[in-house]
Amino acid sequence: MNLKSLKNKSPFKIATNIYVVILSVFVIWMLFFDENSYLTHREFNKEIDELKSWIEYHEKKIKKDKETIQQLQDSLQLERYAREKYLMKKEDEDIYIIEFDTIKKQ
């Protein structure tokens, strides 16, 4: 095949058309090199998903803390919470802390 017969083929005519070349360069530029490229949008979408899961986690934690605050309005529950979490005690009682060994010996 020589160059003249190659120029007359349909795929070569389409590939060398100035509009196709400009459009191809534009698409490649927009997909990879521009600051609003597809790759940048993918990174931003990933970050948005991470932030949404972070927000969801903290909303659940806030809900749990509100429930705890609601329970601690009762003085008996407050005393129980202080004894369990902060190892507080009354003046005339002793506290024994029992720890369980979770390591299994083989």
C-alpha atoms as a PDB file:
ATOM      1  CA  MET A   1       0.000   0.000   0.000  1.00  0.00           C
ATOM      2  CA  ASN A   2       1.251   3.391  -0.849  1.00  0.00           C
ATOM      3  CA  LEU A   3       0.350   6.733   0.687  1.00  0.00           C
ATOM      4  CA  LYS A   4      -2.253   7.682  -1.965  1.00  0.00           C
ATOM      5  CA  SER A   5      -4.282   4.536  -1.466  1.00  0.00           C
ATOM      6  CA  LEU A   6      -4.083   5.023   2.313  1.00  0.00           C
ATOM      7  CA  LYS A   7      -5.397   8.600   2.016  1.00  0.00           C
ATOM      8  CA  ASN A   8      -8.453   7.434   0.094  1.00  0.00           C
ATOM      9  CA  LYS A   9      -9.555   4.980   2.809  1.00  0.00           C
ATOM     10  CA  SER A  10     -12.491   6.059   4.976  1.00  0.00           C
ATOM     11  CA  PRO A  11     -10.896   5.615   8.449  1.00  0.00           C
ATOM     12  CA  PHE A  12      -7.891   7.684   7.433  1.00  0.00           C
ATOM     13  CA  LYS A  13     -10.125  10.473   6.104  1.00  0.00           C
ATOM     14  CA  ILE A  14     -12.089  10.545   9.358  1.00  0.00           C
ATOM     15  CA  ALA A  15      -8.949  10.441  11.542  1.00  0.00           C
ATOM     16  CA  THR A  16      -7.300  13.314   9.654  1.00  0.00           C
ATOM     17  CA  ASN A  17     -10.397  15.497   9.559  1.00  0.00           C
ATOM     18  CA  ILE A  18      -9.564  18.776  11.361  1.00  0.00           C
ATOM     19  CA  TYR A  19     -12.795  18.690  13.381  1.00  0.00           C
ATOM     20  CA  VAL A  20     -12.129  15.150  14.613  1.00  0.00           C
ATOM     21  CA  VAL A  21      -8.560  16.059  15.565  1.00  0.00           C
ATOM     22  CA  ILE A  22      -9.657  19.197  17.455  1.00  0.00           C
ATOM     23  CA  LEU A  23     -12.486  17.309  19.170  1.00  0.00           C
ATOM     24  CA  SER A  24     -10.119  14.494  20.177  1.00  0.00           C
ATOM     25  CA  VAL A  25      -7.594  16.925  21.635  1.00  0.00           C
ATOM     26  CA  PHE A  26     -10.388  18.740  23.477  1.00  0.00           C
ATOM     27  CA  VAL A  27     -11.807  15.522  24.948  1.00  0.00           C
ATOM     28  CA  ILE A  28      -8.388  14.299  26.057  1.00  0.00           C
ATOM     29  CA  TRP A  29      -7.651  17.693  27.610  1.00  0.00           C
ATOM     30  CA  MET A  30     -10.973  17.785  29.483  1.00  0.00           C
ATOM     31  CA  LEU A  31     -10.658  14.211  30.735  1.00  0.00           C
ATOM     32  CA  PHE A  32      -7.083  14.292  32.003  1.00  0.00           C
ATOM     33  CA  PHE A  33      -5.390  17.698  32.099  1.00  0.00           C
ATOM     34  CA  ASP A  34      -7.983  20.325  33.004  1.00  0.00           C
ATOM     35  CA  GLU A  35      -8.538  21.341  36.644  1.00  0.00           C
ATOM     36  CA  ASN A  36     -12.137  20.143  36.248  1.00  0.00           C
ATOM     37  CA  SER A  37     -11.053  16.815  34.791  1.00  0.00           C
ATOM     38  CA  TYR A  38     -12.707  13.478  35.275  1.00  0.00           C
ATOM     39  CA  LEU A  39      -9.903  12.348  37.580  1.00  0.00           C
ATOM     40  CA  THR A  40     -10.361  15.394  39.808  1.00  0.00           C
ATOM     41  CA  HIS A  41     -14.109  14.796  39.962  1.00  0.00           C
ATOM     42  CA  ARG A  42     -13.500  11.174  40.945  1.00  0.00           C
ATOM     43  CA  GLU A  43     -11.243  12.294  43.808  1.00  0.00           C
ATOM     44  CA  PHE A  44     -13.811  14.853  44.948  1.00  0.00           C
ATOM     45  CA  ASN A  45     -16.619  12.291  44.847  1.00  0.00           C
ATOM     46  CA  LYS A  46     -14.513   9.901  46.922  1.00  0.00           C
ATOM     47  CA  GLU A  47     -13.838  12.657  49.448  1.00  0.00           C
ATOM     48  CA  ILE A  48     -17.547  13.530  49.546  1.00  0.00           C
ATOM     49  CA  ASP A  49     -18.402   9.886  50.298  1.00  0.00           C
ATOM     50  CA  GLU A  50     -15.835   9.798  53.105  1.00  0.00           C
ATOM     51  CA  LEU A  51     -17.217  13.015  54.581  1.00  0.00           C
ATOM     52  CA  LYS A  52     -20.782  11.705  54.384  1.00  0.00           C
ATOM     53  CA  SER A  53     -19.786   8.571  56.287  1.00  0.00           C
ATOM     54  CA  TRP A  54     -17.927  10.766  58.820  1.00  0.00           C
ATOM     55  CA  ILE A  55     -21.063  12.888  59.293  1.00  0.00           C
ATOM     56  CA  GLU A  56     -23.226   9.779  59.652  1.00  0.00           C
ATOM     57  CA  TYR A  57     -20.876   8.357  62.296  1.00  0.00           C
ATOM     58  CA  HIS A  58     -20.967  11.568  64.312  1.00  0.00           C
ATOM     59  CA  GLU A  59     -24.742  11.904  64.014  1.00  0.00           C
ATOM     60  CA  LYS A  60     -25.082   8.399  65.489  1.00  0.00           C
ATOM     61  CA  LYS A  61     -22.656   9.321  68.243  1.00  0.00           C
ATOM     62  CA  ILE A  62     -24.597  12.516  69.019  1.00  0.00           C
ATOM     63  CA  LYS A  63     -27.840  10.525  69.174  1.00  0.00           C
ATOM     64  CA  LYS A  64     -26.244   8.044  71.578  1.00  0.00           C
ATOM     65  CA  ASP A  65     -24.870  10.852  73.764  1.00  0.00           C
ATOM     66  CA  LYS A  66     -28.280  12.542  73.879  1.00  0.00           C
ATOM     67  CA  GLU A  67     -29.811   9.275  75.071  1.00  0.00           C
ATOM     68  CA  THR A  68     -27.108   8.996  77.739  1.00  0.00           C
ATOM     69  CA  ILE A  69     -27.750  12.568  78.881  1.00  0.00           C
ATOM     70  CA  GLN A  70     -31.469  11.824  79.036  1.00  0.00           C
ATOM     71  CA  GLN A  71     -30.797   8.769  81.211  1.00  0.00           C
ATOM     72  CA  LEU A  72     -28.454  10.716  83.492  1.00  0.00           C
ATOM     73  CA  GLN A  73     -31.240  13.113  84.448  1.00  0.00           C
ATOM     74  CA  ASP A  74     -32.223  10.480  87.024  1.00  0.00           C
ATOM     75  CA  SER A  75     -29.993  10.659  90.127  1.00  0.00           C
ATOM     76  CA  LEU A  76     -29.806   6.854  90.498  1.00  0.00           C
ATOM     77  CA  GLN A  77     -28.639   6.447  86.930  1.00  0.00           C
ATOM     78  CA  LEU A  78     -26.107   9.241  87.428  1.00  0.00           C
ATOM     79  CA  GLU A  79     -24.710   7.492  90.497  1.00  0.00           C
ATOM     80  CA  ARG A  80     -24.544   4.166  88.632  1.00  0.00           C
ATOM     81  CA  TYR A  81     -22.767   5.807  85.667  1.00  0.00           C
ATOM     82  CA  ALA A  82     -20.222   7.489  87.958  1.00  0.00           C
ATOM     83  CA  ARG A  83     -19.505   4.203  89.739  1.00  0.00           C
ATOM     84  CA  GLU A  84     -19.025   2.255  86.502  1.00  0.00           C
ATOM     85  CA  LYS A  85     -17.129   4.740  84.378  1.00  0.00           C
ATOM     86  CA  TYR A  86     -15.099   6.726  86.906  1.00  0.00           C
ATOM     87  CA  LEU A  87     -14.795   4.122  89.701  1.00  0.00           C
ATOM     88  CA  MET A  88     -16.314   6.477  92.240  1.00  0.00           C
ATOM     89  CA  LYS A  89     -17.545   5.154  95.562  1.00  0.00           C
ATOM     90  CA  LYS A  90     -19.286   6.176  98.711  1.00  0.00           C
ATOM     91  CA  GLU A  91     -17.172   6.932 101.761  1.00  0.00           C
ATOM     92  CA  ASP A  92     -17.977   3.737 103.626  1.00  0.00           C
ATOM     93  CA  GLU A  93     -17.580   1.143 100.868  1.00  0.00           C
ATOM     94  CA  ASP A  94     -14.758  -0.691  99.129  1.00  0.00           C
ATOM     95  CA  ILE A  95     -14.419  -1.356  95.397  1.00  0.00           C
ATOM     96  CA  TYR A  96     -12.907  -4.510  93.983  1.00  0.00           C
ATOM     97  CA  ILE A  97     -11.971  -4.444  90.316  1.00  0.00           C
ATOM     98  CA  ILE A  98     -12.083  -7.841  88.650  1.00  0.00           C
ATOM     99  CA  GLU A  99     -10.309  -8.174  85.321  1.00  0.00           C
ATOM    100  CA  PHE A 100     -10.728 -11.170  83.095  1.00  0.00           C
ATOM    101  CA  ASP A 101      -7.743 -12.493  81.194  1.00  0.00           C
ATOM    102  CA  THR A 102      -8.700 -12.790  77.537  1.00  0.00           C
ATOM    103  CA  ILE A 103      -5.498 -14.463  76.374  1.00  0.00           C
ATOM    104  CA  LYS A 104      -5.923 -18.183  75.874  1.00  0.00           C
ATOM    105  CA  LYS A 105      -2.983 -20.369  76.722  1.00  0.00           C
ATOM    106  CA  GLN A 106      -2.361 -23.246  74.359  1.00  0.00           C
END
